[in-house]
Amino acid sequence: MIGIDLIKLERMKHMMERFGEKSLQKFLSCDEIKLVKNHKTAAGFWAVKEACSKALGTGIGSECSFLDISISKTPRGAPVLELSQRLMHNFKIKSTSLSITHDGDYAIAVVTIETY
């Protein structure tokens, strides 16, 4: 399964300027917030979570919340996707992969999910 998402960086910048850290708490865990350097990073994380929910075929909602999807970093700084046990079990997920890129005014993320 594959999902992709695109977000305009200005949208995230505006949200963060208007609501501060509360805007990040809506879709990121405390550990993820620590990784956010600026609105560009936050936008990339948003795109990852949206792309993941699209790969699952659910979108963000009752079957898959923002906090069921977690992003961390390898020692080299590459993003890593971790899913809640509920998602892993319900969707029979074997592995995940992701890629985030920023270009111009946009952040884009692609997520692939392999199932059993």
Protein backbone atom coordinates (compact mmCIF):
# COMPACT_ATOMS: atom_id res chain seq x y z
CA MET A 1 0.00 0.00 0.00
CA ILE A 2 1.23 3.50 -0.73
CA GLY A 3 0.18 6.96 0.38
CA ILE A 4 1.37 10.44 -0.51
CA ASP A 5 0.67 13.87 0.92
CA LEU A 6 1.63 17.44 0.10
CA ILE A 7 1.34 20.46 2.39
CA LYS A 8 2.11 24.10 1.71
CA LEU A 9 4.76 25.27 4.19
CA GLU A 10 2.97 28.58 4.72
CA ARG A 11 -0.07 26.71 6.09
CA MET A 12 2.03 25.16 8.88
CA LYS A 13 3.89 28.42 9.52
CA HIS A 14 0.61 30.27 9.97
CA MET A 15 -0.79 27.57 12.26
CA MET A 16 2.34 27.63 14.45
CA GLU A 17 2.42 31.44 14.62
CA ARG A 18 -1.24 31.57 15.56
CA PHE A 19 -1.43 28.70 18.06
CA GLY A 20 2.18 28.03 19.09
CA GLU A 21 3.03 24.62 20.53
CA LYS A 22 -0.68 23.78 20.91
CA SER A 23 -0.84 23.46 17.14
CA LEU A 24 1.87 20.78 17.26
CA GLN A 25 0.23 18.95 20.16
CA LYS A 26 -2.80 18.27 17.93
CA PHE A 27 -0.81 15.88 15.75
CA LEU A 28 2.58 15.21 17.38
CA SER A 29 3.70 13.43 20.56
CA CYS A 30 6.04 15.12 23.03
CA ASP A 31 9.01 13.19 21.60
CA GLU A 32 8.11 14.24 18.07
CA ILE A 33 7.76 17.89 19.09
CA LYS A 34 11.36 17.74 20.37
CA LEU A 35 12.45 16.87 16.82
CA VAL A 36 10.69 19.85 15.24
CA LYS A 37 13.24 22.52 14.30
CA ASN A 38 10.85 24.86 12.48
CA HIS A 39 7.61 25.00 10.49
CA LYS A 40 9.25 23.10 7.62
CA THR A 41 9.98 20.10 9.83
CA ALA A 42 6.47 20.23 11.29
CA ALA A 43 4.96 20.35 7.80
CA GLY A 44 6.97 17.29 6.79
CA PHE A 45 5.75 15.39 9.85
CA TRP A 46 2.15 16.38 9.06
CA ALA A 47 2.58 15.10 5.50
CA VAL A 48 4.00 11.78 6.78
CA LYS A 49 1.03 11.17 9.04
CA GLU A 50 -1.47 12.05 6.32
CA ALA A 51 0.36 9.88 3.77
CA CYS A 52 0.42 6.97 6.21
CA SER A 53 -3.31 7.20 6.87
CA LYS A 54 -3.92 7.29 3.11
CA ALA A 55 -1.75 4.20 2.62
CA LEU A 56 -3.95 2.44 5.17
CA GLY A 57 -7.01 3.56 3.23
CA THR A 58 -8.62 5.23 6.24
CA GLY A 59 -7.50 8.83 6.41
CA ILE A 60 -7.13 10.37 9.85
CA GLY A 61 -10.11 9.43 12.01
CA SER A 62 -11.37 6.76 14.37
CA GLU A 63 -9.47 3.89 12.72
CA CYS A 64 -6.18 5.80 12.59
CA SER A 65 -5.42 8.87 14.67
CA PHE A 66 -2.44 11.20 14.35
CA LEU A 67 -1.03 9.73 17.57
CA ASP A 68 -1.21 6.14 16.23
CA ILE A 69 1.60 7.21 13.88
CA SER A 70 4.97 8.14 15.34
CA ILE A 71 8.05 9.58 13.66
CA SER A 72 11.55 9.24 15.06
CA LYS A 73 15.03 9.62 13.61
CA THR A 74 17.95 7.26 13.11
CA PRO A 75 21.37 8.31 14.44
CA ARG A 76 22.09 9.62 10.94
CA GLY A 77 18.91 11.71 10.95
CA ALA A 78 16.76 9.63 8.60
CA PRO A 79 13.08 9.56 9.53
CA VAL A 80 11.58 6.33 10.83
CA LEU A 81 7.89 5.47 10.98
CA GLU A 82 6.48 3.60 13.97
CA LEU A 83 2.84 2.59 14.24
CA SER A 84 0.75 1.74 17.29
CA GLN A 85 0.24 -1.91 18.15
CA ARG A 86 -3.44 -1.43 17.34
CA LEU A 87 -2.63 -0.40 13.76
CA MET A 88 0.03 -3.08 13.37
CA HIS A 89 -2.50 -5.74 14.43
CA ASN A 90 -5.66 -4.41 12.75
CA PHE A 91 -3.98 -3.85 9.38
CA LYS A 92 -1.57 -6.83 9.58
CA ILE A 93 1.43 -4.59 8.94
CA LYS A 94 4.77 -6.24 8.30
CA SER A 95 6.91 -3.17 7.54
CA THR A 96 6.79 0.51 6.62
CA SER A 97 8.99 2.94 4.68
CA LEU A 98 8.83 6.68 4.28
CA SER A 99 10.43 9.55 2.46
CA ILE A 100 10.03 13.26 3.17
CA THR A 101 11.16 16.07 0.90
CA HIS A 102 10.85 19.83 0.86
CA ASP A 103 10.83 21.81 -2.35
CA GLY A 104 10.02 25.46 -2.71
CA ASP A 105 6.81 26.17 -0.85
CA TYR A 106 5.90 22.54 -0.14
CA ALA A 107 6.67 19.49 1.99
CA ILE A 108 5.88 16.11 0.47
CA ALA A 109 5.85 12.66 2.08
CA VAL A 110 5.45 9.18 0.65
CA VAL A 111 4.72 6.17 2.86
CA THR A 112 4.67 2.52 1.85
CA ILE A 113 3.19 -0.23 3.99
CA GLU A 114 3.77 -3.93 3.50
CA THR A 115 1.21 -6.32 4.98
CA TYR A 116 1.22 -10.05 5.69
